[in-house]
Amino acid sequence: MPEVFSNKLRLSIISALVTGEKDFTELKKYTEATSGNLGAQLLKLEEWGYVSCKKEFVNKKPKSTYKLTRTGIMNFREYVEMLENVLRSME
């Protein structure tokens, strides 16, 4: 199993982003993670090429919006297929 999928919070972030881009606040609410832990895991996902981040100012406040990259989508799809194969083999 790739390291990226060995962490519950990273899996939660990727699962949230499968349905479309989300800002930091939305991801924090979805994952129920602390700001520090969420930020650290998002940074790792960004460094590994799974997530991209767009930073902008909205009403003079910084806003970071995240989305899955093509690599992130492809690797998550492969991971889900692997899990499905494991489950099928157990039947």
Protein backbone atom coordinates (compact mmCIF):
# COMPACT_ATOMS: atom_id res chain seq x y z
CA MET A 1 0.00 0.00 0.00
CA PRO A 2 1.43 3.41 -0.94
CA GLU A 3 2.39 5.59 2.04
CA VAL A 4 -0.13 8.23 1.00
CA PHE A 5 -3.01 5.86 1.78
CA SER A 6 -1.61 4.61 5.10
CA ASN A 7 -2.91 7.65 7.01
CA LYS A 8 -6.59 8.05 7.93
CA LEU A 9 -6.55 11.85 7.60
CA ARG A 10 -4.92 11.76 4.15
CA LEU A 11 -7.53 9.23 3.01
CA SER A 12 -10.26 11.47 4.40
CA ILE A 13 -8.87 14.50 2.55
CA ILE A 14 -8.66 12.60 -0.74
CA SER A 15 -12.18 11.23 -0.25
CA ALA A 16 -13.49 14.76 0.31
CA LEU A 17 -11.76 16.07 -2.79
CA VAL A 18 -13.08 13.29 -5.05
CA THR A 19 -16.35 15.22 -5.32
CA GLY A 20 -14.61 18.48 -6.25
CA GLU A 21 -12.40 21.21 -4.90
CA LYS A 22 -12.76 22.35 -1.31
CA ASP A 23 -11.27 25.18 0.70
CA PHE A 24 -9.33 24.69 3.92
CA THR A 25 -12.35 25.45 6.11
CA GLU A 26 -14.52 22.91 4.29
CA LEU A 27 -11.80 20.26 4.61
CA LYS A 28 -11.35 21.04 8.29
CA LYS A 29 -15.08 20.59 8.87
CA TYR A 30 -15.23 17.40 6.78
CA THR A 31 -12.19 15.75 8.40
CA GLU A 32 -12.66 17.16 11.92
CA ALA A 33 -8.87 17.59 12.05
CA THR A 34 -6.95 20.32 13.81
CA SER A 35 -5.68 23.13 11.60
CA GLY A 36 -2.06 22.11 12.19
CA ASN A 37 -2.56 18.45 11.38
CA LEU A 38 -4.71 19.20 8.34
CA GLY A 39 -2.19 21.72 7.04
CA ALA A 40 0.69 19.26 7.49
CA GLN A 41 -1.13 16.47 5.63
CA LEU A 42 -2.24 18.80 2.82
CA LEU A 43 1.37 19.90 2.42
CA LYS A 44 2.51 16.26 2.14
CA LEU A 45 -0.21 15.52 -0.42
CA GLU A 46 0.85 18.60 -2.37
CA GLU A 47 4.54 17.61 -2.26
CA TRP A 48 3.68 14.10 -3.49
CA GLY A 49 1.66 15.55 -6.39
CA TYR A 50 -1.75 14.29 -5.26
CA VAL A 51 -3.28 17.68 -4.48
CA SER A 52 -2.90 21.17 -5.90
CA CYS A 53 -3.55 24.37 -3.99
CA LYS A 54 -4.80 27.74 -5.20
CA LYS A 55 -4.18 30.64 -2.82
CA GLU A 56 -6.07 33.91 -3.13
CA PHE A 57 -7.51 36.72 -1.07
CA VAL A 58 -11.27 37.01 -0.63
CA ASN A 59 -12.49 40.14 1.18
CA LYS A 60 -8.87 40.76 2.26
CA LYS A 61 -8.67 37.31 3.90
CA PRO A 62 -6.42 34.53 2.60
CA LYS A 63 -8.22 31.53 1.12
CA SER A 64 -6.62 28.24 0.09
CA THR A 65 -8.59 25.94 -2.20
CA TYR A 66 -7.49 22.36 -2.85
CA LYS A 67 -8.26 19.86 -5.57
CA LEU A 68 -7.01 16.44 -6.60
CA THR A 69 -4.49 16.34 -9.41
CA ARG A 70 -4.67 13.87 -12.28
CA THR A 71 -2.04 11.81 -10.42
CA GLY A 72 -4.10 11.90 -7.24
CA ILE A 73 -7.26 10.77 -9.02
CA MET A 74 -5.47 7.98 -10.92
CA ASN A 75 -3.66 6.62 -7.85
CA PHE A 76 -6.78 6.79 -5.67
CA ARG A 77 -8.73 4.92 -8.35
CA GLU A 78 -6.03 2.22 -8.42
CA TYR A 79 -6.10 1.99 -4.62
CA VAL A 80 -9.91 1.58 -4.57
CA GLU A 81 -9.68 -1.11 -7.29
CA MET A 82 -7.07 -2.95 -5.24
CA LEU A 83 -9.35 -2.86 -2.18
CA GLU A 84 -12.28 -4.12 -4.28
CA ASN A 85 -10.13 -7.02 -5.51
CA VAL A 86 -9.19 -7.90 -1.94
CA LEU A 87 -12.84 -7.88 -0.89
CA ARG A 88 -13.84 -10.04 -3.89
CA SER A 89 -11.13 -12.57 -3.04
CA MET A 90 -12.58 -12.90 0.47
CA GLU A 91 -16.01 -13.98 -0.82
